[in-house]
N, C-alpha and C. Protein backbone atom coordinates (compact mmCIF):
# COMPACT_ATOMS: atom_id res chain seq x y z
N UNK A 1 68.32 -3.92 91.49
CA UNK A 1 67.28 -3.56 92.42
C UNK A 1 66.17 -2.84 91.67
N UNK A 2 64.94 -3.27 91.87
CA UNK A 2 63.79 -2.63 91.23
C UNK A 2 63.07 -1.78 92.25
N UNK A 3 62.61 -0.65 91.77
CA UNK A 3 61.85 0.23 92.63
C UNK A 3 60.43 0.30 92.09
N UNK A 4 59.47 0.20 92.96
CA UNK A 4 58.09 0.32 92.50
C UNK A 4 57.56 1.70 92.84
N UNK A 5 56.61 2.14 92.02
CA UNK A 5 56.00 3.45 92.25
C UNK A 5 54.97 3.35 93.36
N UNK A 6 54.79 4.42 94.09
CA UNK A 6 53.73 4.41 95.11
C UNK A 6 52.38 4.14 94.44
N UNK A 7 51.50 3.50 95.18
CA UNK A 7 50.20 3.14 94.65
C UNK A 7 49.45 4.38 94.17
N UNK A 8 48.80 4.26 92.99
CA UNK A 8 48.01 5.35 92.45
C UNK A 8 48.77 6.28 91.54
N UNK A 9 50.09 6.12 91.41
CA UNK A 9 50.88 6.97 90.51
C UNK A 9 51.23 6.14 89.28
N UNK A 10 50.72 6.56 88.12
CA UNK A 10 51.00 5.79 86.91
C UNK A 10 52.45 5.98 86.47
N UNK A 11 53.03 4.97 85.81
CA UNK A 11 54.39 5.13 85.30
C UNK A 11 54.42 6.17 84.19
N UNK A 12 55.55 6.82 84.03
CA UNK A 12 55.71 7.83 82.99
C UNK A 12 56.22 7.16 81.71
N UNK A 13 55.58 7.46 80.61
CA UNK A 13 56.00 6.94 79.32
C UNK A 13 56.22 8.12 78.39
N UNK A 14 57.14 7.99 77.45
CA UNK A 14 57.34 9.09 76.51
C UNK A 14 56.10 9.24 75.63
N UNK A 15 55.87 10.46 75.15
CA UNK A 15 54.74 10.72 74.25
C UNK A 15 54.93 9.91 72.98
N UNK A 16 53.84 9.44 72.38
CA UNK A 16 53.97 8.69 71.14
C UNK A 16 54.51 9.59 70.03
N UNK A 17 55.23 9.00 69.09
CA UNK A 17 55.77 9.82 68.00
C UNK A 17 54.63 10.34 67.13
N UNK A 18 54.86 11.45 66.41
CA UNK A 18 53.82 11.96 65.51
C UNK A 18 53.55 10.93 64.42
N UNK A 19 52.35 10.96 63.83
CA UNK A 19 52.04 9.99 62.79
C UNK A 19 53.02 10.12 61.62
N UNK A 20 53.38 8.98 61.08
CA UNK A 20 54.30 8.97 59.94
C UNK A 20 53.57 9.42 58.68
N UNK A 21 54.31 9.90 57.74
CA UNK A 21 53.73 10.29 56.46
C UNK A 21 53.48 11.78 56.38
N UNK A 22 52.78 12.17 55.32
CA UNK A 22 52.51 13.60 55.11
C UNK A 22 51.71 14.20 56.26
N UNK A 23 51.91 15.47 56.48
CA UNK A 23 51.15 16.13 57.55
C UNK A 23 50.82 17.58 57.17
N UNK A 24 49.82 18.09 57.83
CA UNK A 24 49.37 19.47 57.67
C UNK A 24 49.20 20.02 59.09
N UNK A 25 49.46 21.29 59.30
CA UNK A 25 49.31 21.84 60.64
C UNK A 25 48.39 23.05 60.64
N UNK A 26 47.85 23.34 61.81
CA UNK A 26 46.99 24.49 62.02
C UNK A 26 47.76 25.57 62.77
N UNK A 27 47.62 26.82 62.34
CA UNK A 27 48.20 27.92 63.11
C UNK A 27 47.34 28.14 64.35
N UNK A 28 47.85 28.91 65.30
CA UNK A 28 47.07 29.23 66.49
C UNK A 28 45.79 29.98 66.12
N UNK A 29 45.89 30.89 65.13
CA UNK A 29 44.71 31.66 64.69
C UNK A 29 43.65 30.74 64.10
N UNK A 30 44.07 29.77 63.29
CA UNK A 30 43.12 28.82 62.70
C UNK A 30 42.49 27.96 63.78
N UNK A 31 43.29 27.50 64.72
CA UNK A 31 42.77 26.68 65.81
C UNK A 31 41.75 27.47 66.63
N UNK A 32 42.06 28.74 66.93
CA UNK A 32 41.12 29.58 67.68
C UNK A 32 39.80 29.74 66.93
N UNK A 33 39.87 29.91 65.62
CA UNK A 33 38.65 30.10 64.81
C UNK A 33 37.81 28.83 64.81
N UNK A 34 38.44 27.67 64.66
CA UNK A 34 37.70 26.40 64.69
C UNK A 34 37.06 26.21 66.06
N UNK A 35 37.80 26.50 67.12
CA UNK A 35 37.24 26.38 68.47
C UNK A 35 36.07 27.35 68.67
N UNK A 36 36.14 28.54 68.08
CA UNK A 36 35.04 29.50 68.17
C UNK A 36 33.80 28.96 67.44
N UNK A 37 34.01 28.32 66.30
CA UNK A 37 32.89 27.70 65.57
C UNK A 37 32.26 26.59 66.40
N UNK A 38 33.11 25.78 67.03
CA UNK A 38 32.61 24.70 67.88
C UNK A 38 31.77 25.27 69.02
N UNK A 39 32.25 26.35 69.62
CA UNK A 39 31.54 26.96 70.74
C UNK A 39 30.24 27.60 70.26
N UNK A 40 30.26 28.30 69.13
CA UNK A 40 29.06 28.95 68.62
C UNK A 40 27.96 27.94 68.30
N UNK A 41 28.37 26.78 67.81
CA UNK A 41 27.41 25.72 67.48
C UNK A 41 27.14 24.79 68.65
N UNK A 42 27.85 25.01 69.76
CA UNK A 42 27.75 24.14 70.93
C UNK A 42 27.92 22.67 70.52
N UNK A 43 28.96 22.42 69.71
CA UNK A 43 29.18 21.08 69.16
C UNK A 43 30.69 20.80 69.12
N UNK A 44 31.13 19.95 70.04
CA UNK A 44 32.56 19.65 70.12
C UNK A 44 33.02 18.66 69.07
N UNK A 45 32.11 18.14 68.24
CA UNK A 45 32.51 17.19 67.20
C UNK A 45 32.88 17.88 65.90
N UNK A 46 32.68 19.20 65.79
CA UNK A 46 32.96 19.89 64.54
C UNK A 46 34.44 19.85 64.19
N UNK A 47 34.70 19.65 62.90
CA UNK A 47 36.07 19.65 62.36
C UNK A 47 36.07 20.49 61.09
N UNK A 48 37.20 21.06 60.77
CA UNK A 48 37.37 21.76 59.51
C UNK A 48 37.91 20.77 58.49
N UNK A 49 37.24 20.62 57.36
CA UNK A 49 37.72 19.74 56.29
C UNK A 49 38.36 20.60 55.20
N UNK A 50 39.52 20.16 54.76
CA UNK A 50 40.23 20.79 53.65
C UNK A 50 40.35 19.77 52.52
N UNK A 51 39.89 20.15 51.33
CA UNK A 51 40.01 19.27 50.17
C UNK A 51 40.69 20.01 49.03
N UNK A 52 41.38 19.25 48.21
CA UNK A 52 42.01 19.77 47.01
C UNK A 52 41.41 19.01 45.84
N UNK A 53 41.02 19.75 44.81
CA UNK A 53 40.49 19.12 43.60
C UNK A 53 41.17 19.72 42.38
N UNK A 54 41.12 18.99 41.27
CA UNK A 54 41.67 19.50 40.03
C UNK A 54 40.82 20.63 39.51
N UNK A 55 41.44 21.61 38.89
CA UNK A 55 40.70 22.75 38.34
C UNK A 55 41.14 24.04 38.97
N UNK A 56 40.32 25.03 38.85
CA UNK A 56 40.68 26.34 39.37
C UNK A 56 41.57 27.08 38.40
N UNK A 57 41.94 28.26 38.74
CA UNK A 57 42.72 29.13 37.85
C UNK A 57 44.12 28.59 37.56
N UNK A 58 44.71 27.88 38.53
CA UNK A 58 46.11 27.48 38.40
C UNK A 58 46.32 25.96 38.34
N UNK A 59 45.26 25.17 38.32
CA UNK A 59 45.43 23.73 38.21
C UNK A 59 44.82 22.93 39.34
N UNK A 60 44.98 23.42 40.58
CA UNK A 60 44.38 22.78 41.75
C UNK A 60 43.58 23.83 42.51
N UNK A 61 42.52 23.40 43.15
CA UNK A 61 41.69 24.31 43.90
C UNK A 61 41.43 23.75 45.30
N UNK A 62 41.49 24.60 46.31
CA UNK A 62 41.23 24.17 47.68
C UNK A 62 39.84 24.61 48.10
N UNK A 63 39.24 23.84 49.01
CA UNK A 63 37.93 24.18 49.56
C UNK A 63 37.88 23.76 51.01
N UNK A 64 37.16 24.54 51.81
CA UNK A 64 36.97 24.24 53.22
C UNK A 64 35.50 23.95 53.48
N UNK A 65 35.24 23.07 54.44
CA UNK A 65 33.88 22.77 54.88
C UNK A 65 33.95 22.40 56.36
N UNK A 66 32.83 22.52 57.04
CA UNK A 66 32.74 22.10 58.43
C UNK A 66 32.00 20.77 58.46
N UNK A 67 32.58 19.80 59.15
CA UNK A 67 32.00 18.46 59.22
C UNK A 67 32.05 17.94 60.64
N UNK A 68 31.29 16.88 60.86
CA UNK A 68 31.26 16.25 62.18
C UNK A 68 31.95 14.89 62.20
N UNK A 69 32.08 14.27 61.05
CA UNK A 69 32.63 12.92 60.99
C UNK A 69 33.76 12.82 59.97
N UNK A 70 34.80 12.10 60.33
CA UNK A 70 35.87 11.78 59.38
C UNK A 70 35.43 10.55 58.59
N UNK A 71 35.89 10.45 57.38
CA UNK A 71 35.58 9.31 56.51
C UNK A 71 36.75 8.34 56.49
N UNK A 72 36.52 7.08 56.08
CA UNK A 72 37.64 6.14 55.97
C UNK A 72 38.72 6.71 55.04
N UNK A 73 39.95 6.61 55.47
CA UNK A 73 41.07 7.14 54.67
C UNK A 73 41.43 8.58 55.00
N UNK A 74 40.62 9.25 55.81
CA UNK A 74 40.93 10.62 56.21
C UNK A 74 42.02 10.62 57.28
N UNK A 75 42.77 11.70 57.33
CA UNK A 75 43.70 11.93 58.43
C UNK A 75 43.19 13.13 59.21
N UNK A 76 43.23 13.04 60.51
CA UNK A 76 42.78 14.13 61.38
C UNK A 76 43.99 14.69 62.11
N UNK A 77 44.16 15.99 62.02
CA UNK A 77 45.26 16.70 62.68
C UNK A 77 44.65 17.61 63.74
N UNK A 78 45.24 17.62 64.92
CA UNK A 78 44.66 18.38 66.04
C UNK A 78 45.67 19.36 66.60
N UNK A 79 45.19 20.57 66.87
CA UNK A 79 45.98 21.61 67.51
C UNK A 79 45.11 22.28 68.55
N UNK A 80 45.50 22.26 69.80
CA UNK A 80 44.79 22.92 70.90
C UNK A 80 43.32 22.51 70.96
N UNK A 81 43.00 21.29 70.56
CA UNK A 81 41.62 20.80 70.60
C UNK A 81 40.84 21.04 69.32
N UNK A 82 41.39 21.82 68.40
CA UNK A 82 40.75 22.06 67.10
C UNK A 82 41.22 20.99 66.12
N UNK A 83 40.29 20.47 65.33
CA UNK A 83 40.63 19.38 64.42
C UNK A 83 40.47 19.78 62.96
N UNK A 84 41.45 19.36 62.16
CA UNK A 84 41.45 19.52 60.71
C UNK A 84 41.44 18.14 60.11
N UNK A 85 40.55 17.89 59.16
CA UNK A 85 40.48 16.58 58.50
C UNK A 85 40.81 16.76 57.02
N UNK A 86 41.67 15.86 56.52
CA UNK A 86 42.13 15.93 55.13
C UNK A 86 42.11 14.52 54.56
N UNK A 87 41.58 14.37 53.35
CA UNK A 87 41.58 13.06 52.70
C UNK A 87 42.97 12.76 52.15
N UNK A 88 43.23 11.48 51.90
CA UNK A 88 44.57 11.05 51.47
C UNK A 88 45.02 11.71 50.17
N UNK A 89 44.12 11.81 49.19
CA UNK A 89 44.50 12.40 47.89
C UNK A 89 44.91 13.86 48.06
N UNK A 90 44.16 14.61 48.85
CA UNK A 90 44.49 16.02 49.08
C UNK A 90 45.78 16.15 49.86
N UNK A 91 45.98 15.26 50.81
CA UNK A 91 47.17 15.31 51.65
C UNK A 91 48.45 15.15 50.84
N UNK A 92 48.36 14.41 49.74
CA UNK A 92 49.54 14.19 48.90
C UNK A 92 50.11 15.50 48.35
N UNK A 93 49.25 16.49 48.09
CA UNK A 93 49.74 17.77 47.55
C UNK A 93 49.82 18.86 48.62
N UNK A 94 49.40 18.53 49.85
CA UNK A 94 49.42 19.51 50.94
C UNK A 94 50.49 19.24 51.98
N UNK A 95 51.31 18.22 51.80
CA UNK A 95 52.29 17.85 52.82
C UNK A 95 53.13 19.05 53.23
N UNK A 96 53.14 19.33 54.53
CA UNK A 96 53.92 20.44 55.07
C UNK A 96 53.18 21.76 55.09
N UNK A 97 51.94 21.79 54.62
CA UNK A 97 51.18 23.05 54.57
C UNK A 97 50.76 23.51 55.96
N UNK A 98 50.61 24.80 56.10
CA UNK A 98 50.10 25.42 57.31
C UNK A 98 48.75 26.04 56.97
N UNK A 99 47.74 25.70 57.76
CA UNK A 99 46.41 26.29 57.58
C UNK A 99 46.30 27.42 58.59
N UNK A 100 46.05 28.61 58.08
CA UNK A 100 46.00 29.81 58.90
C UNK A 100 44.60 30.43 58.80
N UNK A 101 44.31 31.37 59.66
CA UNK A 101 43.07 32.14 59.56
C UNK A 101 43.47 33.60 59.50
N UNK A 102 42.99 34.28 58.47
CA UNK A 102 43.36 35.67 58.25
C UNK A 102 42.11 36.55 58.34
N UNK A 103 42.22 37.64 59.07
CA UNK A 103 41.12 38.60 59.17
C UNK A 103 41.61 39.94 58.66
N UNK A 104 40.84 40.50 57.73
CA UNK A 104 41.19 41.79 57.18
C UNK A 104 39.97 42.66 57.06
N UNK A 105 40.17 43.87 56.60
CA UNK A 105 39.09 44.82 56.45
C UNK A 105 38.09 44.36 55.39
N UNK A 106 38.58 43.78 54.31
CA UNK A 106 37.71 43.39 53.19
C UNK A 106 37.24 41.94 53.26
N UNK A 107 38.00 41.08 53.93
CA UNK A 107 37.60 39.68 53.98
C UNK A 107 38.30 38.97 55.13
N UNK A 108 37.76 37.81 55.46
CA UNK A 108 38.42 36.95 56.44
C UNK A 108 38.15 35.52 56.05
N UNK A 109 39.06 34.63 56.42
CA UNK A 109 38.86 33.23 56.10
C UNK A 109 40.11 32.41 56.32
N UNK A 110 39.95 31.11 56.12
CA UNK A 110 41.07 30.19 56.24
C UNK A 110 41.94 30.31 55.01
N UNK A 111 43.25 30.20 55.21
CA UNK A 111 44.24 30.36 54.15
C UNK A 111 45.19 29.16 54.20
N UNK A 112 45.52 28.61 53.03
CA UNK A 112 46.47 27.50 52.94
C UNK A 112 47.83 28.07 52.56
N UNK A 113 48.83 27.83 53.37
CA UNK A 113 50.21 28.21 53.05
C UNK A 113 50.94 26.92 52.71
N UNK A 114 50.94 26.61 51.40
CA UNK A 114 51.44 25.33 50.90
C UNK A 114 52.85 25.48 50.34
N UNK A 115 53.85 24.87 51.00
CA UNK A 115 55.23 25.00 50.51
C UNK A 115 55.46 24.27 49.19
N UNK A 116 54.54 23.40 48.78
CA UNK A 116 54.68 22.65 47.53
C UNK A 116 54.18 23.43 46.32
N UNK A 117 53.42 24.49 46.53
CA UNK A 117 52.86 25.28 45.43
C UNK A 117 53.96 26.07 44.74
N UNK A 118 54.03 25.93 43.43
CA UNK A 118 55.02 26.71 42.68
C UNK A 118 54.46 28.05 42.25
N UNK A 119 53.13 28.14 42.17
CA UNK A 119 52.48 29.41 41.89
C UNK A 119 51.06 29.37 42.44
N UNK A 120 50.54 30.55 42.71
CA UNK A 120 49.16 30.66 43.21
C UNK A 120 48.43 31.69 42.38
N UNK A 121 47.12 31.66 42.48
CA UNK A 121 46.29 32.60 41.73
C UNK A 121 45.81 33.70 42.68
N UNK A 122 45.43 34.82 42.14
CA UNK A 122 44.94 35.93 42.94
C UNK A 122 43.64 35.61 43.67
N UNK A 123 42.94 34.55 43.24
CA UNK A 123 41.67 34.21 43.90
C UNK A 123 41.91 33.67 45.32
N UNK A 124 43.11 33.19 45.59
CA UNK A 124 43.44 32.72 46.93
C UNK A 124 43.11 31.26 47.19
N UNK A 125 42.46 30.58 46.26
CA UNK A 125 42.12 29.18 46.47
C UNK A 125 42.73 28.25 45.43
N UNK A 126 43.46 28.78 44.49
CA UNK A 126 44.00 27.97 43.40
C UNK A 126 45.53 28.01 43.40
N UNK A 127 46.14 26.87 43.06
CA UNK A 127 47.61 26.81 43.03
C UNK A 127 48.05 25.76 42.02
N UNK A 128 49.33 25.79 41.67
CA UNK A 128 49.92 24.76 40.81
C UNK A 128 51.15 24.20 41.50
N UNK A 129 51.52 23.00 41.06
CA UNK A 129 52.70 22.33 41.64
C UNK A 129 53.84 22.35 40.65
């Protein structure tokens, strides 16, 4: 026996699985900060971009930028409406990382908590694998 749903009620489907492959997540504090930037600029297309490049004190260096568009090959991660965009090459060394936002008396900014880093530098933006 089949039962049909009343008219106007959509069928329930399970949520799609998370994307396969490496991933990066945003903390609630980082998501709030990105949302605040979006609100301050009155621009809902803003995303935080995280890139990793060779160099820096410990071998790899991270950098953040605010962008409006993702590029081909980028992965976009979303938390509470805030978006983080990471290119494939950077994602390879950031898999499992948490992007946080830290506010202190002397400084504030986004922080990468990368479980793959074997050491970090005092500058806060450089790490080694």
